[in-house]
Amino acid sequence: MAVGIRPGEIMNAKEVYADIINIFDWEPNSKHPRMSPEKRAAQFAPFAALSGFDEMVKDLSRQTVEQIEPGEEEKALLNRKMNRLSGLLKSGAQPEAAFTYFVPDKVKSGGKYVTVTARVRRIDTAAQKFYLVPSEDEDVPEALPFDRISAIAGEAVDDLDDTFWSE
């Protein structure tokens, strides 16, 4: 209780705090330097009631799609393109192609479709994978499973699109 105030007496704040009420800029002494805003904010970090909530909201708001199973015609066209790329590899070339493939989401059901352009290093029919040459510009996966590929495009295989539909 403030000095000079008796129990039950109504306090007048202007009188009680008259000695400090007009101090505008308080400067700490050398024993107690001013705390930086970062340290002051860090004091309240343990009291974050919903820690992890922002990450959870981002995960839930992320859009995913289900993998589309290609029809028989699309499978036949993909097979012809794979055979063309395989033939080019056997002749010593490393053909470049654009692969659209499905990447499953690690948290939610579904995933997303990604397109990457890369040179084909080899095709492993036993493992059913395309092995690609890494690129500095793009994030190219080392291997692409056949069952995740939905489209193949590029100079080496684009002419097959026209011949397939005209048959």
N, C-alpha and C. Protein backbone atom coordinates (compact mmCIF):
# COMPACT_ATOMS: atom_id res chain seq x y z
N MET A 1 0.85 -1.18 0.00
CA MET A 1 0.00 0.00 0.00
C MET A 1 0.89 1.24 0.00
N ALA A 2 0.47 2.24 -0.71
CA ALA A 2 1.26 3.47 -0.84
C ALA A 2 1.36 4.18 0.51
N VAL A 3 2.46 4.89 0.71
CA VAL A 3 2.71 5.62 1.95
C VAL A 3 1.71 6.76 2.06
N GLY A 4 1.14 6.93 3.22
CA GLY A 4 0.22 8.02 3.46
C GLY A 4 -1.22 7.70 3.13
N ILE A 5 -1.51 6.49 2.69
CA ILE A 5 -2.87 6.09 2.37
C ILE A 5 -3.36 5.19 3.50
N ARG A 6 -4.50 5.53 4.06
CA ARG A 6 -5.07 4.74 5.13
C ARG A 6 -6.10 3.77 4.58
N PRO A 7 -6.25 2.62 5.23
CA PRO A 7 -7.25 1.65 4.77
C PRO A 7 -8.63 2.28 4.69
N GLY A 8 -9.33 1.97 3.58
CA GLY A 8 -10.67 2.50 3.38
C GLY A 8 -10.69 3.86 2.72
N GLU A 9 -9.55 4.54 2.65
CA GLU A 9 -9.49 5.86 2.05
C GLU A 9 -9.43 5.71 0.52
N ILE A 10 -10.14 6.55 -0.20
CA ILE A 10 -10.15 6.54 -1.65
C ILE A 10 -8.85 7.18 -2.13
N MET A 11 -8.16 6.44 -3.01
CA MET A 11 -6.86 6.93 -3.49
C MET A 11 -7.05 7.80 -4.72
N ASN A 12 -6.28 8.85 -4.78
CA ASN A 12 -6.23 9.70 -5.94
C ASN A 12 -4.90 9.39 -6.64
N ALA A 13 -4.96 8.79 -7.82
CA ALA A 13 -3.77 8.32 -8.52
C ALA A 13 -2.81 9.47 -8.82
N LYS A 14 -3.32 10.65 -9.13
CA LYS A 14 -2.44 11.78 -9.45
C LYS A 14 -1.62 12.20 -8.25
N GLU A 15 -2.20 12.10 -7.08
CA GLU A 15 -1.46 12.47 -5.87
C GLU A 15 -0.47 11.38 -5.48
N VAL A 16 -0.91 10.12 -5.57
CA VAL A 16 -0.07 9.01 -5.14
C VAL A 16 1.16 8.87 -6.03
N TYR A 17 0.97 9.03 -7.33
CA TYR A 17 2.07 8.82 -8.28
C TYR A 17 2.59 10.12 -8.86
N ALA A 18 2.44 11.23 -8.15
CA ALA A 18 2.85 12.54 -8.65
C ALA A 18 4.34 12.60 -8.95
N ASP A 19 5.16 11.87 -8.20
CA ASP A 19 6.60 11.94 -8.41
C ASP A 19 7.05 11.22 -9.69
N ILE A 20 6.25 10.31 -10.23
CA ILE A 20 6.68 9.57 -11.43
C ILE A 20 5.74 9.74 -12.62
N ILE A 21 4.63 10.40 -12.42
CA ILE A 21 3.63 10.46 -13.49
C ILE A 21 4.08 11.26 -14.69
N ASN A 22 4.96 12.21 -14.52
CA ASN A 22 5.40 13.03 -15.66
C ASN A 22 6.77 12.62 -16.21
N ILE A 23 7.28 11.48 -15.83
CA ILE A 23 8.54 11.00 -16.40
C ILE A 23 8.21 10.36 -17.74
N PHE A 24 8.78 10.91 -18.83
CA PHE A 24 8.42 10.45 -20.17
C PHE A 24 9.32 9.31 -20.66
N ASP A 25 10.62 9.47 -20.53
CA ASP A 25 11.53 8.47 -21.09
C ASP A 25 12.42 7.95 -19.98
N TRP A 26 12.08 6.80 -19.48
CA TRP A 26 12.85 6.22 -18.40
C TRP A 26 14.10 5.58 -18.96
N GLU A 27 15.24 5.87 -18.42
CA GLU A 27 16.51 5.28 -18.84
C GLU A 27 16.99 4.36 -17.74
N PRO A 28 17.27 3.11 -18.10
CA PRO A 28 17.75 2.18 -17.07
C PRO A 28 19.17 2.54 -16.64
N ASN A 29 19.52 2.11 -15.46
CA ASN A 29 20.87 2.40 -15.00
C ASN A 29 21.84 1.35 -15.55
N SER A 30 23.11 1.51 -15.25
CA SER A 30 24.12 0.63 -15.82
C SER A 30 24.01 -0.80 -15.28
N LYS A 31 23.41 -0.98 -14.13
CA LYS A 31 23.26 -2.33 -13.58
C LYS A 31 22.20 -3.13 -14.33
N HIS A 32 21.23 -2.46 -14.88
CA HIS A 32 20.13 -3.12 -15.58
C HIS A 32 19.97 -2.54 -16.98
N PRO A 33 20.77 -3.01 -17.94
CA PRO A 33 20.64 -2.47 -19.31
C PRO A 33 19.30 -2.86 -19.93
N ARG A 34 18.89 -2.08 -20.91
CA ARG A 34 17.61 -2.30 -21.59
C ARG A 34 17.65 -3.61 -22.37
N MET A 35 16.57 -4.39 -22.28
CA MET A 35 16.48 -5.68 -22.96
C MET A 35 16.11 -5.48 -24.42
N SER A 36 16.74 -6.27 -25.30
CA SER A 36 16.43 -6.16 -26.73
C SER A 36 15.02 -6.69 -26.98
N PRO A 37 14.36 -6.21 -28.06
CA PRO A 37 13.00 -6.70 -28.35
C PRO A 37 12.95 -8.22 -28.59
N GLU A 38 14.04 -8.78 -29.16
CA GLU A 38 14.06 -10.23 -29.40
C GLU A 38 14.04 -11.01 -28.09
N LYS A 39 14.87 -10.56 -27.13
CA LYS A 39 14.90 -11.25 -25.83
C LYS A 39 13.59 -11.05 -25.08
N ARG A 40 13.01 -9.88 -25.21
CA ARG A 40 11.74 -9.61 -24.52
C ARG A 40 10.65 -10.52 -25.09
N ALA A 41 10.62 -10.68 -26.42
CA ALA A 41 9.62 -11.55 -27.05
C ALA A 41 9.85 -13.01 -26.69
N ALA A 42 11.13 -13.40 -26.55
CA ALA A 42 11.45 -14.79 -26.23
C ALA A 42 10.93 -15.18 -24.85
N GLN A 43 10.74 -14.23 -23.97
CA GLN A 43 10.21 -14.55 -22.64
C GLN A 43 8.81 -15.14 -22.73
N PHE A 44 8.06 -14.74 -23.74
CA PHE A 44 6.67 -15.18 -23.84
C PHE A 44 6.49 -16.40 -24.73
N ALA A 45 7.54 -16.88 -25.38
CA ALA A 45 7.44 -18.04 -26.28
C ALA A 45 6.91 -19.29 -25.58
N PRO A 46 7.32 -19.60 -24.35
CA PRO A 46 6.80 -20.82 -23.72
C PRO A 46 5.29 -20.78 -23.48
N PHE A 47 4.69 -19.62 -23.56
CA PHE A 47 3.27 -19.51 -23.29
C PHE A 47 2.41 -19.59 -24.54
N ALA A 48 3.00 -19.98 -25.69
CA ALA A 48 2.23 -20.13 -26.91
C ALA A 48 1.29 -21.33 -26.72
N ALA A 49 0.03 -21.06 -26.56
CA ALA A 49 -0.94 -22.11 -26.24
C ALA A 49 -1.14 -23.08 -27.39
N LEU A 50 -1.00 -22.63 -28.61
CA LEU A 50 -1.26 -23.49 -29.77
C LEU A 50 0.01 -23.74 -30.57
N SER A 51 1.04 -24.26 -29.91
CA SER A 51 2.27 -24.53 -30.65
C SER A 51 2.01 -25.64 -31.66
N GLY A 52 2.51 -25.44 -32.89
CA GLY A 52 2.30 -26.40 -33.97
C GLY A 52 1.02 -26.17 -34.74
N PHE A 53 0.19 -25.25 -34.30
CA PHE A 53 -1.09 -25.01 -34.96
C PHE A 53 -0.90 -24.48 -36.36
N ASP A 54 0.05 -23.54 -36.55
CA ASP A 54 0.29 -22.97 -37.88
C ASP A 54 0.70 -24.04 -38.88
N GLU A 55 1.57 -24.95 -38.46
CA GLU A 55 2.01 -26.03 -39.35
C GLU A 55 0.85 -26.94 -39.71
N MET A 56 0.00 -27.22 -38.73
CA MET A 56 -1.15 -28.08 -38.97
C MET A 56 -2.12 -27.43 -39.96
N VAL A 57 -2.34 -26.15 -39.85
CA VAL A 57 -3.24 -25.44 -40.76
C VAL A 57 -2.66 -25.46 -42.17
N LYS A 58 -1.34 -25.27 -42.30
CA LYS A 58 -0.71 -25.30 -43.63
C LYS A 58 -0.86 -26.69 -44.25
N ASP A 59 -0.68 -27.75 -43.45
CA ASP A 59 -0.83 -29.10 -43.97
C ASP A 59 -2.26 -29.36 -44.44
N LEU A 60 -3.23 -28.92 -43.66
CA LEU A 60 -4.63 -29.15 -44.02
C LEU A 60 -5.06 -28.33 -45.23
N SER A 61 -4.49 -27.15 -45.39
CA SER A 61 -4.91 -26.29 -46.50
C SER A 61 -4.21 -26.65 -47.82
N ARG A 62 -3.16 -27.48 -47.74
CA ARG A 62 -2.45 -27.88 -48.96
C ARG A 62 -3.36 -28.77 -49.80
N GLN A 63 -3.48 -28.44 -51.07
CA GLN A 63 -4.36 -29.18 -51.98
C GLN A 63 -3.65 -30.42 -52.52
N THR A 64 -4.33 -31.53 -52.55
CA THR A 64 -3.81 -32.75 -53.16
C THR A 64 -4.84 -33.29 -54.15
N VAL A 65 -4.35 -34.11 -55.08
CA VAL A 65 -5.24 -34.77 -56.05
C VAL A 65 -4.96 -36.26 -56.00
N GLU A 66 -5.92 -37.03 -56.42
CA GLU A 66 -5.74 -38.47 -56.49
C GLU A 66 -5.02 -38.83 -57.79
N GLN A 67 -4.24 -39.91 -57.77
CA GLN A 67 -3.55 -40.35 -58.97
C GLN A 67 -4.57 -40.90 -59.95
N ILE A 68 -4.46 -40.47 -61.20
CA ILE A 68 -5.38 -40.90 -62.25
C ILE A 68 -4.80 -42.12 -62.94
N GLU A 69 -5.57 -43.16 -63.00
CA GLU A 69 -5.15 -44.39 -63.69
C GLU A 69 -5.39 -44.20 -65.19
N PRO A 70 -4.32 -44.28 -66.02
CA PRO A 70 -4.53 -44.07 -67.46
C PRO A 70 -5.34 -45.21 -68.07
N GLY A 71 -6.07 -44.89 -69.12
CA GLY A 71 -6.85 -45.90 -69.83
C GLY A 71 -5.95 -46.76 -70.71
N GLU A 72 -6.54 -47.71 -71.37
CA GLU A 72 -5.77 -48.64 -72.22
C GLU A 72 -5.06 -47.91 -73.36
N GLU A 73 -5.73 -46.94 -73.98
CA GLU A 73 -5.11 -46.20 -75.08
C GLU A 73 -3.90 -45.39 -74.60
N GLU A 74 -4.05 -44.72 -73.43
CA GLU A 74 -2.95 -43.95 -72.88
C GLU A 74 -1.79 -44.86 -72.49
N LYS A 75 -2.09 -46.04 -71.93
CA LYS A 75 -1.04 -46.99 -71.57
C LYS A 75 -0.29 -47.47 -72.82
N ALA A 76 -1.02 -47.72 -73.89
CA ALA A 76 -0.38 -48.18 -75.13
C ALA A 76 0.53 -47.09 -75.70
N LEU A 77 0.08 -45.83 -75.65
CA LEU A 77 0.90 -44.72 -76.14
C LEU A 77 2.15 -44.55 -75.28
N LEU A 78 2.00 -44.62 -73.96
CA LEU A 78 3.16 -44.52 -73.07
C LEU A 78 4.14 -45.65 -73.34
N ASN A 79 3.62 -46.85 -73.59
CA ASN A 79 4.47 -48.00 -73.87
C ASN A 79 5.27 -47.78 -75.15
N ARG A 80 4.63 -47.25 -76.19
CA ARG A 80 5.33 -46.96 -77.45
C ARG A 80 6.42 -45.91 -77.26
N LYS A 81 6.14 -44.90 -76.43
CA LYS A 81 7.14 -43.86 -76.15
C LYS A 81 8.32 -44.43 -75.37
N MET A 82 8.02 -45.32 -74.41
CA MET A 82 9.09 -45.95 -73.65
C MET A 82 9.96 -46.82 -74.56
N ASN A 83 9.33 -47.54 -75.48
CA ASN A 83 10.08 -48.37 -76.43
C ASN A 83 10.96 -47.50 -77.33
N ARG A 84 10.46 -46.36 -77.75
CA ARG A 84 11.25 -45.45 -78.60
C ARG A 84 12.47 -44.95 -77.82
N LEU A 85 12.25 -44.53 -76.56
CA LEU A 85 13.37 -44.07 -75.74
C LEU A 85 14.38 -45.19 -75.50
N SER A 86 13.89 -46.40 -75.29
CA SER A 86 14.76 -47.55 -75.08
C SER A 86 15.62 -47.81 -76.32
N GLY A 87 15.02 -47.71 -77.51
CA GLY A 87 15.76 -47.89 -78.75
C GLY A 87 16.84 -46.85 -78.93
N LEU A 88 16.54 -45.60 -78.58
CA LEU A 88 17.54 -44.53 -78.67
C LEU A 88 18.69 -44.76 -77.70
N LEU A 89 18.38 -45.28 -76.51
CA LEU A 89 19.43 -45.58 -75.54
C LEU A 89 20.34 -46.69 -76.05
N LYS A 90 19.76 -47.69 -76.70
CA LYS A 90 20.56 -48.80 -77.24
C LYS A 90 21.48 -48.34 -78.36
N SER A 91 21.09 -47.28 -79.06
CA SER A 91 21.94 -46.76 -80.14
C SER A 91 23.02 -45.82 -79.61
N GLY A 92 23.06 -45.62 -78.31
CA GLY A 92 24.12 -44.80 -77.71
C GLY A 92 23.72 -43.38 -77.36
N ALA A 93 22.51 -42.98 -77.66
CA ALA A 93 22.06 -41.61 -77.36
C ALA A 93 21.49 -41.55 -75.95
N GLN A 94 21.44 -40.36 -75.39
CA GLN A 94 20.75 -40.11 -74.14
C GLN A 94 19.63 -39.12 -74.44
N PRO A 95 18.47 -39.62 -74.85
CA PRO A 95 17.39 -38.72 -75.27
C PRO A 95 16.86 -37.89 -74.11
N GLU A 96 16.43 -36.68 -74.46
CA GLU A 96 15.82 -35.79 -73.47
C GLU A 96 14.30 -35.88 -73.62
N ALA A 97 13.62 -35.92 -72.50
CA ALA A 97 12.15 -35.98 -72.53
C ALA A 97 11.60 -35.25 -71.31
N ALA A 98 10.34 -34.84 -71.44
CA ALA A 98 9.62 -34.21 -70.33
C ALA A 98 8.68 -35.27 -69.76
N PHE A 99 8.84 -35.57 -68.48
CA PHE A 99 8.03 -36.58 -67.81
C PHE A 99 7.06 -35.89 -66.85
N THR A 100 5.78 -36.21 -66.99
CA THR A 100 4.79 -35.77 -66.01
C THR A 100 4.49 -36.99 -65.17
N TYR A 101 4.72 -36.84 -63.87
CA TYR A 101 4.57 -37.99 -62.99
C TYR A 101 3.90 -37.58 -61.68
N PHE A 102 3.39 -38.58 -60.98
CA PHE A 102 2.66 -38.38 -59.73
C PHE A 102 3.61 -38.52 -58.55
N VAL A 103 3.55 -37.54 -57.62
CA VAL A 103 4.33 -37.59 -56.39
C VAL A 103 3.35 -37.70 -55.22
N PRO A 104 3.33 -38.85 -54.52
CA PRO A 104 2.41 -38.99 -53.39
C PRO A 104 2.78 -38.05 -52.25
N ASP A 105 1.77 -37.56 -51.56
CA ASP A 105 1.97 -36.69 -50.41
C ASP A 105 2.41 -37.53 -49.23
N LYS A 106 3.33 -37.02 -48.44
CA LYS A 106 3.86 -37.78 -47.30
C LYS A 106 2.91 -37.78 -46.11
N VAL A 107 1.98 -36.82 -46.06
CA VAL A 107 1.12 -36.69 -44.89
C VAL A 107 -0.34 -37.03 -45.22
N LYS A 108 -0.85 -36.45 -46.28
CA LYS A 108 -2.25 -36.61 -46.64
C LYS A 108 -2.41 -37.65 -47.74
N SER A 109 -3.64 -38.07 -47.96
CA SER A 109 -3.90 -38.97 -49.08
C SER A 109 -3.84 -38.16 -50.37
N GLY A 110 -3.46 -38.81 -51.45
CA GLY A 110 -3.33 -38.12 -52.73
C GLY A 110 -1.91 -37.63 -52.93
N GLY A 111 -1.76 -36.61 -53.74
CA GLY A 111 -0.44 -36.06 -54.04
C GLY A 111 -0.56 -34.96 -55.07
N LYS A 112 0.47 -34.82 -55.90
CA LYS A 112 0.46 -33.80 -56.94
C LYS A 112 1.19 -34.33 -58.17
N TYR A 113 0.92 -33.70 -59.31
CA TYR A 113 1.59 -34.05 -60.55
C TYR A 113 2.71 -33.04 -60.80
N VAL A 114 3.87 -33.54 -61.18
CA VAL A 114 5.05 -32.71 -61.42
C VAL A 114 5.57 -33.04 -62.82
N THR A 115 6.06 -32.04 -63.53
CA THR A 115 6.68 -32.26 -64.83
C THR A 115 8.15 -31.86 -64.73
N VAL A 116 9.01 -32.75 -65.19
CA VAL A 116 10.44 -32.50 -65.16
C VAL A 116 11.03 -32.90 -66.52
N THR A 117 11.96 -32.09 -67.00
CA THR A 117 12.64 -32.39 -68.26
C THR A 117 14.06 -32.83 -67.94
N ALA A 118 14.43 -34.01 -68.47
CA ALA A 118 15.76 -34.55 -68.17
C ALA A 118 16.17 -35.53 -69.25
N ARG A 119 17.45 -35.84 -69.27
CA ARG A 119 17.98 -36.87 -70.17
C ARG A 119 17.82 -38.23 -69.50
N VAL A 120 17.48 -39.22 -70.32
CA VAL A 120 17.30 -40.57 -69.80
C VAL A 120 18.67 -41.25 -69.78
N ARG A 121 19.06 -41.75 -68.62
CA ARG A 121 20.34 -42.45 -68.49
C ARG A 121 20.19 -43.92 -68.84
N ARG A 122 19.14 -44.56 -68.30
CA ARG A 122 18.85 -45.95 -68.64
C ARG A 122 17.43 -46.29 -68.24
N ILE A 123 16.93 -47.38 -68.81
CA ILE A 123 15.59 -47.87 -68.49
C ILE A 123 15.75 -49.28 -67.96
N ASP A 124 15.27 -49.50 -66.73
CA ASP A 124 15.35 -50.82 -66.11
C ASP A 124 13.96 -51.44 -66.15
N THR A 125 13.76 -52.38 -67.09
CA THR A 125 12.43 -52.99 -67.23
C THR A 125 12.13 -53.95 -66.10
N ALA A 126 13.15 -54.55 -65.49
CA ALA A 126 12.92 -55.46 -64.36
C ALA A 126 12.40 -54.69 -63.15
N ALA A 127 13.04 -53.56 -62.86
CA ALA A 127 12.60 -52.72 -61.74
C ALA A 127 11.48 -51.78 -62.15
N GLN A 128 11.20 -51.70 -63.45
CA GLN A 128 10.19 -50.81 -64.03
C GLN A 128 10.42 -49.36 -63.63
N LYS A 129 11.63 -48.88 -63.95
CA LYS A 129 12.01 -47.51 -63.63
C LYS A 129 12.82 -46.88 -64.75
N PHE A 130 12.62 -45.57 -64.91
CA PHE A 130 13.48 -44.73 -65.74
C PHE A 130 14.54 -44.15 -64.81
N TYR A 131 15.80 -44.22 -65.20
CA TYR A 131 16.87 -43.57 -64.46
C TYR A 131 17.29 -42.35 -65.26
N LEU A 132 17.28 -41.19 -64.60
CA LEU A 132 17.51 -39.92 -65.27
C LEU A 132 18.86 -39.32 -64.91
N VAL A 133 19.36 -38.47 -65.79
CA VAL A 133 20.61 -37.75 -65.54
C VAL A 133 20.27 -36.54 -64.67
N PRO A 134 20.95 -36.37 -63.53
CA PRO A 134 20.65 -35.22 -62.66
C PRO A 134 20.93 -33.90 -63.37
N SER A 135 20.20 -32.87 -62.99
CA SER A 135 20.33 -31.55 -63.59
C SER A 135 20.63 -30.53 -62.51
N GLU A 136 21.42 -29.51 -62.87
CA GLU A 136 21.72 -28.44 -61.92
C GLU A 136 20.56 -27.44 -61.82
N ASP A 137 19.81 -27.29 -62.90
CA ASP A 137 18.73 -26.30 -62.94
C ASP A 137 17.46 -26.79 -62.27
N GLU A 138 17.11 -28.06 -62.50
CA GLU A 138 15.85 -28.59 -62.00
C GLU A 138 16.10 -29.64 -60.93
N ASP A 139 15.11 -29.86 -60.10
CA ASP A 139 15.16 -30.93 -59.11
C ASP A 139 14.70 -32.21 -59.79
N VAL A 140 15.65 -32.95 -60.34
CA VAL A 140 15.35 -34.16 -61.12
C VAL A 140 15.51 -35.38 -60.21
N PRO A 141 14.47 -36.22 -60.13
CA PRO A 141 14.62 -37.44 -59.33
C PRO A 141 15.59 -38.40 -60.00
N GLU A 142 16.24 -39.23 -59.21
CA GLU A 142 17.19 -40.19 -59.77
C GLU A 142 16.47 -41.24 -60.59
N ALA A 143 15.29 -41.66 -60.11
CA ALA A 143 14.54 -42.70 -60.81
C ALA A 143 13.05 -42.38 -60.79
N LEU A 144 12.36 -42.77 -61.86
CA LEU A 144 10.91 -42.60 -61.95
C LEU A 144 10.27 -43.96 -62.19
N PRO A 145 9.39 -44.41 -61.29
CA PRO A 145 8.69 -45.67 -61.53
C PRO A 145 7.71 -45.54 -62.70
N PHE A 146 7.61 -46.58 -63.51
CA PHE A 146 6.70 -46.56 -64.66
C PHE A 146 5.27 -46.24 -64.25
N ASP A 147 4.80 -46.81 -63.13
CA ASP A 147 3.40 -46.66 -62.75
C ASP A 147 3.03 -45.26 -62.28
N ARG A 148 4.00 -44.39 -62.05
CA ARG A 148 3.70 -43.01 -61.64
C ARG A 148 3.71 -42.04 -62.82
N ILE A 149 4.22 -42.48 -63.97
CA ILE A 149 4.33 -41.59 -65.14
C ILE A 149 2.99 -41.51 -65.85
N SER A 150 2.53 -40.28 -66.08
CA SER A 150 1.25 -40.10 -66.77
C SER A 150 1.43 -39.57 -68.19
N ALA A 151 2.58 -38.95 -68.49
CA ALA A 151 2.82 -38.44 -69.84
C ALA A 151 4.32 -38.31 -70.09
N ILE A 152 4.68 -38.53 -71.35
CA ILE A 152 6.06 -38.34 -71.80
C ILE A 152 6.00 -37.48 -73.06
N ALA A 153 6.81 -36.44 -73.09
CA ALA A 153 6.84 -35.56 -74.26
C ALA A 153 8.29 -35.24 -74.58
N GLY A 154 8.52 -34.76 -75.77
CA GLY A 154 9.86 -34.38 -76.18
C GLY A 154 10.07 -34.66 -77.65
N GLU A 155 11.16 -34.12 -78.20
CA GLU A 155 11.46 -34.28 -79.62
C GLU A 155 11.48 -35.73 -80.05
N ALA A 156 12.03 -36.59 -79.22
CA ALA A 156 12.22 -37.99 -79.59
C ALA A 156 10.91 -38.77 -79.69
N VAL A 157 9.86 -38.31 -79.02
CA VAL A 157 8.63 -39.10 -78.95
C VAL A 157 7.36 -38.37 -79.38
N ASP A 158 7.45 -37.08 -79.66
CA ASP A 158 6.24 -36.32 -79.98
C ASP A 158 5.56 -36.79 -81.26
N ASP A 159 6.31 -37.31 -82.22
CA ASP A 159 5.69 -37.77 -83.46
C ASP A 159 4.79 -38.98 -83.24
N LEU A 160 4.99 -39.71 -82.14
CA LEU A 160 4.15 -40.88 -81.85
C LEU A 160 2.72 -40.48 -81.48
N ASP A 161 2.53 -39.28 -80.95
CA ASP A 161 1.18 -38.80 -80.62
C ASP A 161 0.32 -38.78 -81.87
N ASP A 162 0.85 -38.26 -82.96
CA ASP A 162 0.09 -38.15 -84.20
C ASP A 162 -0.17 -39.51 -84.83
N THR A 163 0.85 -40.37 -84.86
CA THR A 163 0.69 -41.68 -85.51
C THR A 163 -0.24 -42.57 -84.72
N PHE A 164 -0.24 -42.42 -83.40
CA PHE A 164 -1.09 -43.28 -82.57
C PHE A 164 -2.57 -43.02 -82.85
N TRP A 165 -2.92 -41.74 -82.92
CA TRP A 165 -4.35 -41.40 -83.10
C TRP A 165 -4.82 -41.58 -84.53
N SER A 166 -3.91 -41.60 -85.49
CA SER A 166 -4.32 -41.74 -86.87
C SER A 166 -4.49 -43.20 -87.29
N GLU A 167 -4.02 -44.14 -86.44
CA GLU A 167 -4.13 -45.57 -86.78
C GLU A 167 -5.55 -46.06 -86.65
